[in-house]
Amino acid sequence: MAKLIAPHGGKLVNLLVPPEAREARRAHAASLPSLQLSDRAVCDLEMLAIGGFSPLDRFMSRRDHERVLDEMRLARGALFPIPVTLPVDHKAPLSLDQEIALRDGRNDLLAIMRVEEVWEWDRDAVASKVFETLDPRHPLVAEMRSWGPLSVSGALQVLALPRRYDFQDIRLTPEQTRARLTEFDRENVVAFQTRNPLHRVHEELTKRAAREVDGVLLLHPVVGLTKPGDVDHFTRVRTYKALAGRYYEPGRLLLALLPLAMRLAGPREALWHAIIRRNYGANHFIVGRDHASPGVDSKGKPFYGPYDAQDLVTRHRDELGVGVVPFHELVYLPDHDRYEEISKAPANVRTASISGTQVREEYLNKGRRLPEWFTRPEVAEVLEESYPARHRQGVCVWFTGLSGSGKSTTADVLTVLFLEKGRQVTVLDGDVVRTHLSKGLGFSKEDRDTNIRRIGFVAAEIVRHGGVAICSAVSPYRVTRDECRRMVGGDHFVEVFVNTPLEVCEQRDTKGMYAQARRGEIRGFTGIDDPYEPPPSPEITLDTVVSTPEANAHRIIAFLAERGFVRTVGG
């Protein structure tokens, strides 16, 4: 039997109300004010309820939050590196010492919270201390800008877990996972964190890790929120199940899903993952190179060092009670048909490897089958079904700039060029959207943000289904544009800054809007008495003074062709 390490405090948190008491509490909740949770908060609530975040038993108080930022510990001293808070805006119906119903996006009742504390939080402090950056290219730094400025905390009574209809046989709570693990005739459990499909190198690594500790492998993929643009969890889990059923020893593997909303906080996140896996019963944890990294920043530099995560988890392994199994870089030896650590590969021997970028750019995006030495045929088949060649994938071209800058004119030309290349296009023009999708909205900052978010949502759905969305809207606020980038997925979002000087825009103003704004007849007009925030690092910046709309549109098409979204030959 596996000797499972005890969770912090000796037991797992369980916030679920007993079944016999739930109906009465649901009836009571009907009379309470409600708070609708984001998808992230729903994931966090589920992890709190089932004990995945033990010893944390609620969305953090101010004392917990501040000590986590500064010391990676809860107020009572337990190691916990990531803040888990419930952000709300000023309009939330909150009163101290009152109860509030927590509901998901479908308005399903999940829990009741007794409001014990409402406090202001500092976005920049969280970004600097947890993510070590203020760069909006970090997905969570960008996302946090849309969160409410207040945080609420209090005791939770969870009446129902979120409804999950997929892969129910392997959606195991910490308690259920521990029970399954005790059935294996192994003393040790090594957990593997993944948000990506498994290739042969990962398969080899995990098998070696299980043999190294003479234990069971807990293959524990994240199926909550991951990095925008990641392979969806439905596709990933299909690949895991294919591998688990064919290529692992039955007595060495337990596949279970983790409903975690990742933060992509690099070293801190790796430490958090180790704590979570301890709660699920693991006493060893594989820490990867660039573990939980969001990639590169606006200057093309990695947010974290490749081994920072391994170093941080190793420093705390004694307190954790979780041994660290580092992810060693492996390469394939074609002449020997096996994988080997790169540091142990014989001199002058042929080696082969494929990076994650090459998987996407050189194989999946070009419709090429991954070689069998790199990926099992079953995995390659699933990926090909879910991810067509790049020229059949969706993309959003987002034009931003002042009114009169030339966005719509360039977008019109670009639309024709896309059609010429065989791509289907949906144009979401700001004026047209306001006539239909956003009819009734005004021009306050709140209404403008709502309008842009609606455009972003529709664009994300178009891209998700393989279409081209051309969005042309002033979209003056950087935070809201970044939110749209996150909705669409970074690799499929191309921000085009139409950088036309204000005086030129005023000269082009056939509707006389700028003149009215100058006379004070229109209030809150972008560029006159309301700010326009230029993007700090757009994919493309256009000059419409010296370049024609045709030239600019062809420049965008060339950019997209380089990235494979349009064909350069035969189309």
Protein backbone atom coordinates (compact mmCIF):
# COMPACT_ATOMS: atom_id res chain seq x y z
CA MET A 1 0.00 0.00 0.00
CA ALA A 2 1.11 3.56 -0.68
CA LYS A 3 2.14 5.46 2.46
CA LEU A 4 0.30 8.70 1.83
CA ILE A 5 1.70 11.87 3.32
CA ALA A 6 -0.75 13.66 5.60
CA PRO A 7 -2.11 17.01 4.38
CA HIS A 8 -1.11 20.09 6.36
CA GLY A 9 -2.91 20.02 9.70
CA GLY A 10 -3.47 16.28 9.42
CA LYS A 11 -6.74 16.38 7.48
CA LEU A 12 -8.24 17.71 4.30
CA VAL A 13 -10.59 20.68 4.31
CA ASN A 14 -14.17 19.72 3.38
CA LEU A 15 -16.60 22.61 2.92
CA LEU A 16 -19.49 20.60 1.49
CA VAL A 17 -22.71 20.87 3.48
CA PRO A 18 -24.05 17.39 4.43
CA PRO A 19 -26.65 16.15 1.92
CA GLU A 20 -29.46 16.11 4.47
CA ALA A 21 -29.01 19.84 5.15
CA ARG A 22 -28.66 21.07 1.58
CA GLU A 23 -32.30 21.55 0.65
CA ALA A 24 -32.93 23.81 3.63
CA ARG A 25 -29.83 25.88 2.84
CA ARG A 26 -30.85 26.15 -0.84
CA ALA A 27 -34.27 27.44 0.18
CA HIS A 28 -32.57 29.95 2.46
CA ALA A 29 -30.23 31.05 -0.35
CA ALA A 30 -33.20 32.01 -2.53
CA SER A 31 -33.78 35.05 -0.31
CA LEU A 32 -30.13 36.16 -0.29
CA PRO A 33 -28.39 38.66 -2.58
CA SER A 34 -26.27 36.87 -5.19
CA LEU A 35 -22.74 37.22 -6.49
CA GLN A 36 -21.94 35.67 -9.88
CA LEU A 37 -18.49 34.12 -9.96
CA SER A 38 -16.02 34.18 -12.83
CA ASP A 39 -14.79 30.88 -14.28
CA ARG A 40 -11.57 31.36 -12.30
CA ALA A 41 -13.41 31.89 -9.03
CA VAL A 42 -15.57 28.82 -9.72
CA CYS A 43 -12.42 26.70 -10.09
CA ASP A 44 -11.00 28.18 -6.90
CA LEU A 45 -14.23 27.51 -5.01
CA GLU A 46 -14.21 23.88 -6.14
CA MET A 47 -10.60 23.42 -5.02
CA LEU A 48 -11.40 25.03 -1.65
CA ALA A 49 -14.50 22.87 -1.18
CA ILE A 50 -12.80 19.51 -1.83
CA GLY A 51 -9.63 20.26 0.14
CA GLY A 52 -7.29 20.79 -2.80
CA PHE A 53 -6.05 24.02 -1.23
CA SER A 54 -5.79 22.64 2.33
CA PRO A 55 -5.20 24.15 4.84
CA LEU A 56 -6.88 27.16 3.15
CA ASP A 57 -10.63 26.98 3.76
CA ARG A 58 -11.90 30.23 2.25
CA PHE A 59 -11.06 33.01 -0.16
CA MET A 60 -8.21 34.77 1.59
CA SER A 61 -8.55 37.43 4.24
CA ARG A 62 -6.42 40.53 4.07
CA ARG A 63 -3.96 39.14 6.63
CA ASP A 64 -3.57 35.90 4.68
CA HIS A 65 -3.21 37.77 1.40
CA GLU A 66 -0.54 40.19 2.61
CA ARG A 67 1.56 37.50 4.25
CA VAL A 68 1.30 35.31 1.13
CA LEU A 69 2.59 38.20 -0.99
CA ASP A 70 5.52 38.94 1.32
CA GLU A 71 6.43 35.55 2.82
CA MET A 72 4.55 32.88 0.82
CA ARG A 73 2.72 31.88 4.00
CA LEU A 74 -0.79 32.09 5.38
CA ALA A 75 -1.39 34.21 8.46
CA ARG A 76 -1.02 31.14 10.71
CA GLY A 77 2.32 30.24 9.13
CA ALA A 78 1.49 27.46 6.68
CA LEU A 79 3.42 27.55 3.42
CA PHE A 80 1.19 28.86 0.61
CA PRO A 81 2.73 30.92 -2.23
CA ILE A 82 -0.26 32.00 -4.36
CA PRO A 83 -3.07 34.41 -3.36
CA VAL A 84 -6.54 32.92 -3.72
CA THR A 85 -8.96 35.81 -3.41
CA LEU A 86 -12.47 36.70 -4.53
CA PRO A 87 -12.32 40.09 -6.30
CA VAL A 88 -15.54 42.11 -6.59
CA ASP A 89 -16.45 45.61 -7.74
CA HIS A 90 -18.01 48.40 -5.69
CA LYS A 91 -21.50 47.50 -6.92
CA ALA A 92 -21.44 44.03 -5.34
CA PRO A 93 -24.31 43.63 -2.81
CA LEU A 94 -22.07 43.15 0.21
CA SER A 95 -22.75 43.90 3.88
CA LEU A 96 -20.54 42.76 6.72
CA ASP A 97 -21.83 39.82 8.77
CA GLN A 98 -24.51 39.11 6.18
CA GLU A 99 -24.80 36.04 3.95
CA ILE A 100 -24.53 36.09 0.19
CA ALA A 101 -25.25 33.38 -2.40
CA LEU A 102 -22.40 32.48 -4.76
CA ARG A 103 -23.50 31.40 -8.25
CA ASP A 104 -21.72 30.35 -11.42
CA GLY A 105 -22.06 31.85 -14.90
CA ARG A 106 -25.27 29.88 -15.50
CA ASN A 107 -26.71 31.25 -12.25
CA ASP A 108 -26.54 27.83 -10.58
CA LEU A 109 -26.22 28.08 -6.80
CA LEU A 110 -22.88 26.80 -5.52
CA ALA A 111 -22.32 28.16 -2.03
CA ILE A 112 -23.27 30.59 0.71
CA MET A 113 -20.66 32.92 2.16
CA ARG A 114 -20.94 34.87 5.38
CA VAL A 115 -19.21 38.16 4.60
CA GLU A 116 -16.60 38.73 7.30
CA GLU A 117 -14.25 41.10 5.52
CA VAL A 118 -14.21 43.40 2.49
CA TRP A 119 -10.93 45.08 1.64
CA GLU A 120 -9.06 46.82 -1.17
CA TRP A 121 -6.23 44.99 -2.87
CA ASP A 122 -3.26 46.32 -4.84
CA ARG A 123 -2.91 44.92 -8.39
CA ASP A 124 0.62 46.19 -8.85
CA ALA A 125 1.73 44.66 -5.56
CA VAL A 126 0.34 41.26 -6.60
CA ALA A 127 1.90 41.55 -10.06
CA SER A 128 5.31 42.56 -8.70
CA LYS A 129 5.52 40.10 -5.83
CA VAL A 130 3.77 37.03 -7.21
CA PHE A 131 4.46 37.27 -10.95
CA GLU A 132 7.61 39.41 -10.68
CA THR A 133 6.48 41.64 -13.53
CA LEU A 134 4.08 44.42 -14.51
CA ASP A 135 4.26 43.41 -18.18
CA PRO A 136 0.73 43.03 -19.61
CA ARG A 137 1.99 40.20 -21.82
CA HIS A 138 1.82 38.06 -18.70
CA PRO A 139 -1.72 36.62 -18.98
CA LEU A 140 -2.58 37.07 -15.30
CA VAL A 141 -1.13 40.57 -15.07
CA ALA A 142 -3.40 41.49 -17.98
CA GLU A 143 -6.39 39.61 -16.59
CA MET A 144 -6.12 41.20 -13.15
CA ARG A 145 -6.75 44.63 -14.66
CA SER A 146 -10.35 43.56 -15.25
CA TRP A 147 -10.90 42.30 -11.71
CA GLY A 148 -12.83 44.34 -9.18
CA PRO A 149 -10.84 46.51 -6.75
CA LEU A 150 -12.26 44.88 -3.61
CA SER A 151 -11.78 41.40 -2.16
CA VAL A 152 -14.33 39.62 -0.01
CA SER A 153 -13.70 36.84 2.49
CA GLY A 154 -15.73 34.76 4.91
CA ALA A 155 -16.80 31.29 5.96
CA LEU A 156 -18.15 29.12 3.14
CA GLN A 157 -20.93 26.55 3.02
CA VAL A 158 -20.69 24.73 -0.33
CA LEU A 159 -24.01 23.31 -1.48
CA ALA A 160 -22.93 21.93 -4.86
CA LEU A 161 -19.77 21.51 -6.86
CA PRO A 162 -19.73 22.95 -10.39
CA ARG A 163 -21.47 20.72 -12.91
CA ARG A 164 -18.90 18.74 -14.89
CA TYR A 165 -20.24 16.32 -17.48
CA ASP A 166 -16.97 15.25 -19.10
CA PHE A 167 -14.58 12.49 -18.01
CA GLN A 168 -16.49 11.91 -14.78
CA ASP A 169 -14.74 8.59 -14.14
CA ILE A 170 -11.41 10.36 -13.56
CA ARG A 171 -12.59 13.59 -11.90
CA LEU A 172 -11.37 12.52 -8.47
CA THR A 173 -11.34 14.65 -5.32
CA PRO A 174 -8.25 14.54 -3.06
CA GLU A 175 -10.05 12.08 -0.80
CA GLN A 176 -11.04 9.83 -3.72
CA THR A 177 -7.53 10.04 -5.19
CA ARG A 178 -5.98 9.02 -1.89
CA ALA A 179 -8.35 6.08 -1.64
CA ARG A 180 -7.38 4.88 -5.13
CA LEU A 181 -3.68 5.30 -4.40
CA THR A 182 -3.85 3.10 -1.30
CA GLU A 183 -4.95 0.23 -3.55
CA PHE A 184 -1.54 0.18 -5.28
CA ASP A 185 1.16 -2.00 -3.80
CA ARG A 186 3.69 0.83 -3.80
CA GLU A 187 5.04 2.97 -0.98
CA ASN A 188 5.65 6.13 -3.00
CA VAL A 189 3.55 8.36 -5.24
CA VAL A 190 5.14 10.76 -7.74
CA ALA A 191 2.87 13.38 -9.29
CA PHE A 192 3.26 14.93 -12.73
CA GLN A 193 1.78 18.32 -13.56
CA THR A 194 0.82 18.98 -17.16
CA ARG A 195 -1.29 21.35 -19.19
CA ASN A 196 -0.04 20.02 -22.55
CA PRO A 197 -0.35 16.80 -24.56
CA LEU A 198 2.22 14.15 -23.61
CA HIS A 199 4.85 13.25 -26.17
CA ARG A 200 7.29 10.35 -25.99
CA VAL A 201 9.83 12.39 -24.04
CA HIS A 202 7.24 13.10 -21.30
CA GLU A 203 6.20 9.47 -21.32
CA GLU A 204 9.79 8.39 -20.84
CA LEU A 205 10.39 10.98 -18.14
CA THR A 206 7.35 9.98 -16.10
CA LYS A 207 8.12 6.28 -16.36
CA ARG A 208 11.68 6.89 -15.17
CA ALA A 209 10.41 9.02 -12.29
CA ALA A 210 8.05 6.25 -11.14
CA ARG A 211 10.86 3.69 -11.33
CA GLU A 212 13.30 6.02 -9.55
CA VAL A 213 11.08 6.26 -6.46
CA ASP A 214 9.70 2.72 -6.96
CA GLY A 215 6.22 4.19 -6.85
CA VAL A 216 2.97 5.02 -8.56
CA LEU A 217 2.73 7.81 -11.11
CA LEU A 218 -0.14 10.22 -10.43
CA LEU A 219 -0.70 11.70 -13.88
CA HIS A 220 -2.53 14.84 -12.85
CA PRO A 221 -3.36 17.20 -15.74
CA VAL A 222 -4.93 20.60 -15.15
CA VAL A 223 -8.40 20.90 -16.67
CA GLY A 224 -9.34 24.30 -15.24
CA LEU A 225 -8.01 27.56 -16.68
CA THR A 226 -4.56 27.30 -18.27
CA LYS A 227 -2.64 29.60 -20.60
CA PRO A 228 -4.78 31.24 -23.31
CA GLY A 229 -4.15 29.38 -26.53
CA ASP A 230 -3.26 26.06 -24.86
CA VAL A 231 -4.61 22.83 -26.30
CA ASP A 232 -8.12 22.42 -24.90
CA HIS A 233 -8.53 19.92 -22.08
CA PHE A 234 -10.96 17.72 -24.03
CA THR A 235 -8.26 17.01 -26.61
CA ARG A 236 -5.54 16.64 -24.00
CA VAL A 237 -7.45 14.20 -21.83
CA ARG A 238 -8.20 12.03 -24.85
CA THR A 239 -4.45 11.77 -25.47
CA TYR A 240 -3.77 10.95 -21.80
CA LYS A 241 -6.36 8.19 -21.80
CA ALA A 242 -4.92 6.73 -25.00
CA LEU A 243 -1.44 6.62 -23.46
CA ALA A 244 -2.60 5.36 -20.06
CA GLY A 245 -4.44 2.44 -21.59
CA ARG A 246 -1.66 1.28 -23.91
CA TYR A 247 1.79 2.37 -22.80
CA TYR A 248 1.96 2.41 -18.98
CA GLU A 249 2.10 -0.50 -16.55
CA PRO A 250 -1.38 -0.89 -15.00
CA GLY A 251 0.10 -1.05 -11.50
CA ARG A 252 2.16 2.10 -11.95
CA LEU A 253 -0.34 4.74 -13.04
CA LEU A 254 -3.36 6.64 -11.77
CA LEU A 255 -4.85 9.22 -14.15
CA ALA A 256 -6.96 11.88 -12.41
CA LEU A 257 -8.01 15.39 -13.41
CA LEU A 258 -7.27 18.58 -11.50
CA PRO A 259 -9.86 21.42 -11.74
CA LEU A 260 -7.24 24.09 -11.04
CA ALA A 261 -7.17 27.61 -12.45
CA MET A 262 -3.47 28.16 -13.12
CA ARG A 263 -1.75 31.49 -12.46
CA LEU A 264 1.39 30.84 -14.58
CA ALA A 265 3.51 32.19 -11.74
CA GLY A 266 6.61 30.13 -12.49
CA PRO A 267 8.55 29.29 -9.30
CA ARG A 268 5.75 30.21 -6.90
CA GLU A 269 3.29 28.19 -8.94
CA ALA A 270 5.57 25.14 -8.85
CA LEU A 271 5.64 25.32 -5.05
CA TRP A 272 1.84 25.69 -5.03
CA HIS A 273 1.49 22.67 -7.30
CA ALA A 274 3.60 20.62 -4.88
CA ILE A 275 1.36 21.60 -1.96
CA ILE A 276 -1.76 20.70 -3.95
CA ARG A 277 -0.31 17.31 -4.96
CA ARG A 278 0.57 16.62 -1.32
CA ASN A 279 -3.13 17.07 -0.57
CA TYR A 280 -3.91 14.53 -3.30
CA GLY A 281 -1.55 12.00 -1.72
CA ALA A 282 1.77 12.43 -3.54
CA ASN A 283 5.09 12.40 -1.66
CA HIS A 284 7.18 13.18 -4.74
CA PHE A 285 6.64 15.77 -7.46
CA ILE A 286 8.19 16.18 -10.90
CA VAL A 287 9.23 19.81 -11.41
CA GLY A 288 9.73 20.70 -15.03
CA ARG A 289 12.08 23.06 -16.78
CA ASP A 290 10.26 26.42 -17.09
CA HIS A 291 7.53 24.98 -14.86
CA ALA A 292 4.24 26.93 -15.15
CA SER A 293 5.85 29.59 -17.31
CA PRO A 294 3.73 31.92 -19.47
CA GLY A 295 6.51 32.18 -22.07
CA VAL A 296 8.23 35.42 -22.98
CA ASP A 297 7.57 39.06 -22.13
CA SER A 298 7.02 42.05 -24.42
CA LYS A 299 10.77 42.16 -25.15
CA GLY A 300 10.96 38.48 -26.04
CA LYS A 301 12.69 37.46 -22.79
CA PRO A 302 11.47 34.58 -20.58
CA PHE A 303 9.53 35.71 -17.52
CA TYR A 304 11.43 33.24 -15.31
CA GLY A 305 14.71 31.36 -15.36
CA PRO A 306 14.50 27.77 -16.64
CA TYR A 307 15.41 26.20 -13.28
CA ASP A 308 14.05 28.81 -10.84
CA ALA A 309 11.03 26.61 -10.11
CA GLN A 310 13.14 23.55 -9.32
CA ASP A 311 15.32 25.63 -6.99
CA LEU A 312 12.39 27.09 -5.04
CA VAL A 313 10.60 23.75 -4.52
CA THR A 314 13.87 22.07 -3.54
CA ARG A 315 14.49 24.72 -0.84
CA HIS A 316 11.14 23.88 0.77
CA ARG A 317 11.02 20.12 0.25
CA ASP A 318 11.71 19.23 3.91
CA GLU A 319 8.87 21.41 5.15
CA LEU A 320 6.62 20.14 2.37
CA GLY A 321 7.47 16.51 2.95
CA VAL A 322 7.49 16.17 -0.83
CA GLY A 323 10.58 15.03 -2.66
CA VAL A 324 11.55 16.84 -5.87
CA VAL A 325 12.14 14.88 -9.06
CA PRO A 326 13.70 17.36 -11.48
CA PHE A 327 12.78 17.30 -15.16
CA HIS A 328 16.00 16.42 -16.97
CA GLU A 329 16.25 17.35 -20.63
CA LEU A 330 16.02 14.20 -22.72
CA VAL A 331 17.00 13.67 -26.35
CA TYR A 332 16.27 10.83 -28.73
CA LEU A 333 19.16 8.68 -29.97
CA PRO A 334 18.09 7.47 -33.44
CA ASP A 335 20.89 4.92 -33.75
CA HIS A 336 19.90 3.32 -30.43
CA ASP A 337 16.12 3.91 -30.58
CA ARG A 338 15.94 5.27 -27.06
CA TYR A 339 15.84 8.47 -25.03
CA GLU A 340 18.72 9.65 -22.87
CA GLU A 341 19.50 12.62 -20.66
CA ILE A 342 21.38 15.09 -22.79
CA SER A 343 24.20 15.26 -20.23
CA LYS A 344 24.64 11.46 -20.43
CA ALA A 345 24.43 11.05 -24.20
CA PRO A 346 27.61 9.45 -25.59
CA ALA A 347 29.98 11.77 -27.40
CA ASN A 348 29.55 12.09 -31.17
CA VAL A 349 26.27 10.18 -31.13
CA ARG A 350 23.38 11.40 -33.28
CA THR A 351 20.57 13.03 -31.33
CA ALA A 352 17.11 14.28 -32.25
CA SER A 353 14.60 16.51 -30.50
CA ILE A 354 11.60 18.64 -31.35
CA SER A 355 10.71 21.75 -29.36
CA GLY A 356 7.18 22.76 -28.42
CA THR A 357 7.42 25.59 -30.94
CA GLN A 358 8.43 23.15 -33.67
CA VAL A 359 5.51 20.86 -32.78
CA ARG A 360 3.13 23.76 -33.43
CA GLU A 361 4.87 25.59 -36.26
CA GLU A 362 6.57 22.82 -38.23
CA TYR A 363 4.10 19.98 -37.80
CA LEU A 364 0.58 20.75 -36.55
CA ASN A 365 0.32 24.14 -38.27
CA LYS A 366 1.55 22.67 -41.55
CA GLY A 367 -0.60 19.54 -41.36
CA ARG A 368 2.43 17.23 -41.05
CA ARG A 369 2.27 14.02 -39.01
CA LEU A 370 4.56 14.02 -35.97
CA PRO A 371 7.21 11.28 -36.20
CA GLU A 372 6.55 8.12 -34.16
CA TRP A 373 9.82 8.45 -32.26
CA PHE A 374 8.47 11.74 -30.89
CA THR A 375 4.73 11.08 -30.46
CA ARG A 376 2.67 7.92 -30.22
CA PRO A 377 0.41 7.45 -33.28
CA GLU A 378 -2.72 7.59 -31.10
CA VAL A 379 -1.70 11.00 -29.73
CA ALA A 380 -0.75 12.34 -33.15
CA GLU A 381 -4.15 11.28 -34.51
CA VAL A 382 -6.06 13.06 -31.74
CA LEU A 383 -4.04 16.24 -32.24
CA GLU A 384 -4.59 16.19 -35.99
CA GLU A 385 -8.34 15.83 -35.49
CA SER A 386 -8.53 18.79 -33.11
CA TYR A 387 -5.88 21.07 -34.62
CA PRO A 388 -5.98 21.51 -38.39
CA ALA A 389 -3.20 23.15 -40.36
CA ARG A 390 -2.55 26.79 -39.50
CA HIS A 391 -4.15 28.15 -42.66
CA ARG A 392 -7.42 26.62 -41.44
CA GLN A 393 -7.15 27.97 -37.90
CA GLY A 394 -8.87 31.11 -36.70
CA VAL A 395 -7.23 34.50 -36.25
CA CYS A 396 -8.34 37.92 -35.03
CA VAL A 397 -6.92 41.10 -36.54
CA TRP A 398 -7.69 43.90 -34.08
CA PHE A 399 -7.42 47.45 -35.44
CA THR A 400 -7.11 50.15 -32.78
CA GLY A 401 -6.56 53.88 -33.18
CA LEU A 402 -8.26 57.25 -33.03
CA SER A 403 -11.48 57.98 -34.85
CA GLY A 404 -10.56 58.87 -38.42
CA SER A 405 -7.19 57.16 -38.26
CA GLY A 406 -7.98 54.85 -41.19
CA LYS A 407 -8.91 51.64 -39.38
CA SER A 408 -12.09 50.85 -41.32
CA THR A 409 -10.63 51.75 -44.71
CA THR A 410 -7.64 49.45 -44.19
CA ALA A 411 -9.93 46.74 -42.78
CA ASP A 412 -12.07 46.88 -45.93
CA VAL A 413 -9.04 46.26 -48.14
CA LEU A 414 -7.78 43.53 -45.82
CA THR A 415 -11.15 41.76 -46.00
CA VAL A 416 -10.87 41.47 -49.78
CA LEU A 417 -7.30 40.17 -49.55
CA PHE A 418 -8.39 37.49 -47.08
CA LEU A 419 -11.19 36.41 -49.42
CA GLU A 420 -8.70 36.27 -52.26
CA LYS A 421 -6.63 33.86 -50.16
CA GLY A 422 -9.63 31.59 -49.56
CA ARG A 423 -10.35 32.61 -45.96
CA GLN A 424 -13.85 33.38 -44.67
CA VAL A 425 -14.06 36.70 -42.85
CA THR A 426 -16.36 38.35 -40.33
CA VAL A 427 -15.92 42.11 -39.91
CA LEU A 428 -16.79 43.60 -36.53
CA ASP A 429 -16.74 47.35 -37.12
CA GLY A 430 -17.23 49.56 -34.08
CA ASP A 431 -20.02 51.66 -35.59
CA VAL A 432 -21.88 48.63 -36.93
CA VAL A 433 -21.57 46.74 -33.65
CA ARG A 434 -23.06 49.70 -31.80
CA THR A 435 -26.05 49.63 -34.14
CA HIS A 436 -26.78 45.95 -33.46
CA LEU A 437 -24.85 44.11 -30.75
CA SER A 438 -24.38 47.14 -28.45
CA LYS A 439 -27.47 49.18 -29.19
CA GLY A 440 -28.37 51.32 -26.19
CA LEU A 441 -24.86 51.65 -24.80
CA GLY A 442 -23.50 55.16 -24.27
CA PHE A 443 -19.94 56.46 -24.30
CA SER A 444 -19.04 56.32 -20.62
CA LYS A 445 -15.89 54.36 -19.82
CA GLU A 446 -18.00 51.50 -18.49
CA ASP A 447 -20.17 51.37 -21.62
CA ARG A 448 -17.15 51.60 -23.90
CA ASP A 449 -15.50 48.71 -22.09
CA THR A 450 -18.70 46.68 -22.34
CA ASN A 451 -18.87 47.35 -26.08
CA ILE A 452 -15.25 46.27 -26.62
CA ARG A 453 -15.67 43.16 -24.48
CA ARG A 454 -18.68 42.16 -26.60
CA ILE A 455 -16.62 42.54 -29.74
CA GLY A 456 -13.84 40.50 -28.12
CA PHE A 457 -16.24 37.75 -27.09
CA VAL A 458 -17.72 37.42 -30.58
CA ALA A 459 -14.23 37.50 -32.12
CA ALA A 460 -13.07 34.76 -29.75
CA GLU A 461 -15.97 32.53 -30.79
CA ILE A 462 -15.27 33.14 -34.49
CA VAL A 463 -11.59 32.30 -34.01
CA ARG A 464 -12.41 29.23 -31.93
CA HIS A 465 -14.41 27.87 -34.86
CA GLY A 466 -11.64 28.51 -37.38
CA GLY A 467 -12.79 31.84 -38.83
CA VAL A 468 -11.14 35.20 -39.39
CA ALA A 469 -12.41 38.12 -37.31
CA ILE A 470 -11.43 41.64 -38.36
CA CYS A 471 -12.24 44.04 -35.52
CA SER A 472 -12.14 47.76 -36.14
CA ALA A 473 -12.91 49.91 -33.09
CA VAL A 474 -11.23 52.83 -31.35
CA SER A 475 -10.87 50.61 -28.26
CA PRO A 476 -9.09 53.36 -26.35
CA TYR A 477 -8.24 51.53 -23.13
CA ARG A 478 -5.23 49.24 -22.97
CA VAL A 479 -6.58 46.99 -20.22
CA THR A 480 -9.74 46.15 -22.16
CA ARG A 481 -7.79 45.40 -25.34
CA ASP A 482 -5.53 43.08 -23.35
CA GLU A 483 -8.64 41.36 -21.99
CA CYS A 484 -9.77 40.74 -25.57
CA ARG A 485 -6.34 39.34 -26.42
CA ARG A 486 -6.72 36.91 -23.53
CA MET A 487 -10.22 35.87 -24.66
CA VAL A 488 -9.05 35.16 -28.20
CA GLY A 489 -5.71 33.58 -27.29
CA GLY A 490 -2.39 35.37 -27.69
CA ASP A 491 -1.05 33.48 -30.73
CA HIS A 492 -4.28 34.11 -32.62
CA PHE A 493 -4.64 37.80 -31.77
CA VAL A 494 -2.88 40.35 -33.99
CA GLU A 495 -3.06 43.90 -32.65
CA VAL A 496 -2.72 46.54 -35.36
CA PHE A 497 -2.10 50.06 -34.08
CA VAL A 498 -3.17 52.63 -36.67
CA ASN A 499 -0.86 55.39 -35.49
CA THR A 500 -2.32 58.46 -37.17
CA PRO A 501 -1.65 61.86 -35.51
CA LEU A 502 -4.63 63.60 -33.93
CA GLU A 503 -4.36 66.62 -36.20
CA VAL A 504 -4.56 64.39 -39.28
CA CYS A 505 -7.62 62.60 -37.88
CA GLU A 506 -9.29 65.99 -37.33
CA GLN A 507 -8.57 67.02 -40.93
CA ARG A 508 -10.18 63.81 -42.20
CA ASP A 509 -13.29 64.19 -40.02
CA THR A 510 -16.14 64.28 -42.54
CA LYS A 511 -18.79 63.95 -39.82
CA GLY A 512 -17.54 66.97 -37.88
CA MET A 513 -17.28 64.99 -34.64
CA TYR A 514 -13.93 66.43 -33.60
CA ALA A 515 -15.18 69.97 -34.21
CA GLN A 516 -18.22 69.31 -32.03
CA ALA A 517 -15.97 67.89 -29.32
CA ARG A 518 -13.70 70.95 -29.51
CA ARG A 519 -16.77 73.18 -29.01
CA GLY A 520 -17.87 71.11 -26.03
CA GLU A 521 -20.99 69.83 -27.78
CA ILE A 522 -19.79 66.21 -27.38
CA ARG A 523 -18.34 65.07 -24.08
CA GLY A 524 -15.89 62.22 -23.52
CA PHE A 525 -14.61 62.16 -27.10
CA THR A 526 -11.45 60.09 -27.46
CA GLY A 527 -8.40 62.23 -28.16
CA ILE A 528 -10.06 65.48 -27.05
CA ASP A 529 -11.34 65.18 -23.48
CA ASP A 530 -10.97 61.42 -23.03
CA PRO A 531 -7.63 59.61 -23.30
CA TYR A 532 -6.45 57.15 -25.92
CA GLU A 533 -3.91 54.68 -24.53
CA PRO A 534 -1.61 53.46 -27.35
CA PRO A 535 -0.59 49.79 -27.22
CA PRO A 536 2.99 49.43 -25.90
CA SER A 537 3.88 46.45 -28.11
CA PRO A 538 1.42 45.82 -30.94
CA GLU A 539 2.21 43.18 -33.52
CA ILE A 540 1.96 45.81 -36.28
CA THR A 541 2.05 49.63 -36.28
CA LEU A 542 0.69 51.39 -39.39
CA ASP A 543 1.40 54.85 -40.74
CA THR A 544 -1.56 56.05 -42.81
CA VAL A 545 0.02 59.38 -43.71
CA VAL A 546 2.82 58.03 -45.91
CA SER A 547 1.32 54.62 -46.71
CA THR A 548 -1.90 53.86 -48.57
CA PRO A 549 -4.62 51.55 -47.20
CA GLU A 550 -3.69 49.04 -49.91
CA ALA A 551 -0.03 49.01 -48.91
CA ASN A 552 -0.91 48.65 -45.24
CA ALA A 553 -3.35 45.81 -45.91
CA HIS A 554 -0.74 43.95 -47.95
CA ARG A 555 1.71 44.42 -45.08
CA ILE A 556 -0.75 42.76 -42.69
CA ILE A 557 -1.35 39.88 -45.10
CA ALA A 558 2.41 39.36 -45.40
CA PHE A 559 2.70 39.25 -41.61
CA LEU A 560 -0.09 36.67 -41.39
CA ALA A 561 1.40 34.62 -44.21
CA GLU A 562 4.69 34.40 -42.29
CA ARG A 563 2.73 32.92 -39.41
CA GLY A 564 0.85 30.51 -41.64
CA PHE A 565 -2.67 31.95 -41.30
CA VAL A 566 -2.90 32.44 -45.07
CA ARG A 567 -1.36 30.40 -47.82
CA THR A 568 1.33 31.95 -49.97
CA VAL A 569 1.18 29.27 -52.67
CA GLY A 570 -1.87 27.95 -54.47
CA GLY A 571 -4.32 30.37 -52.92
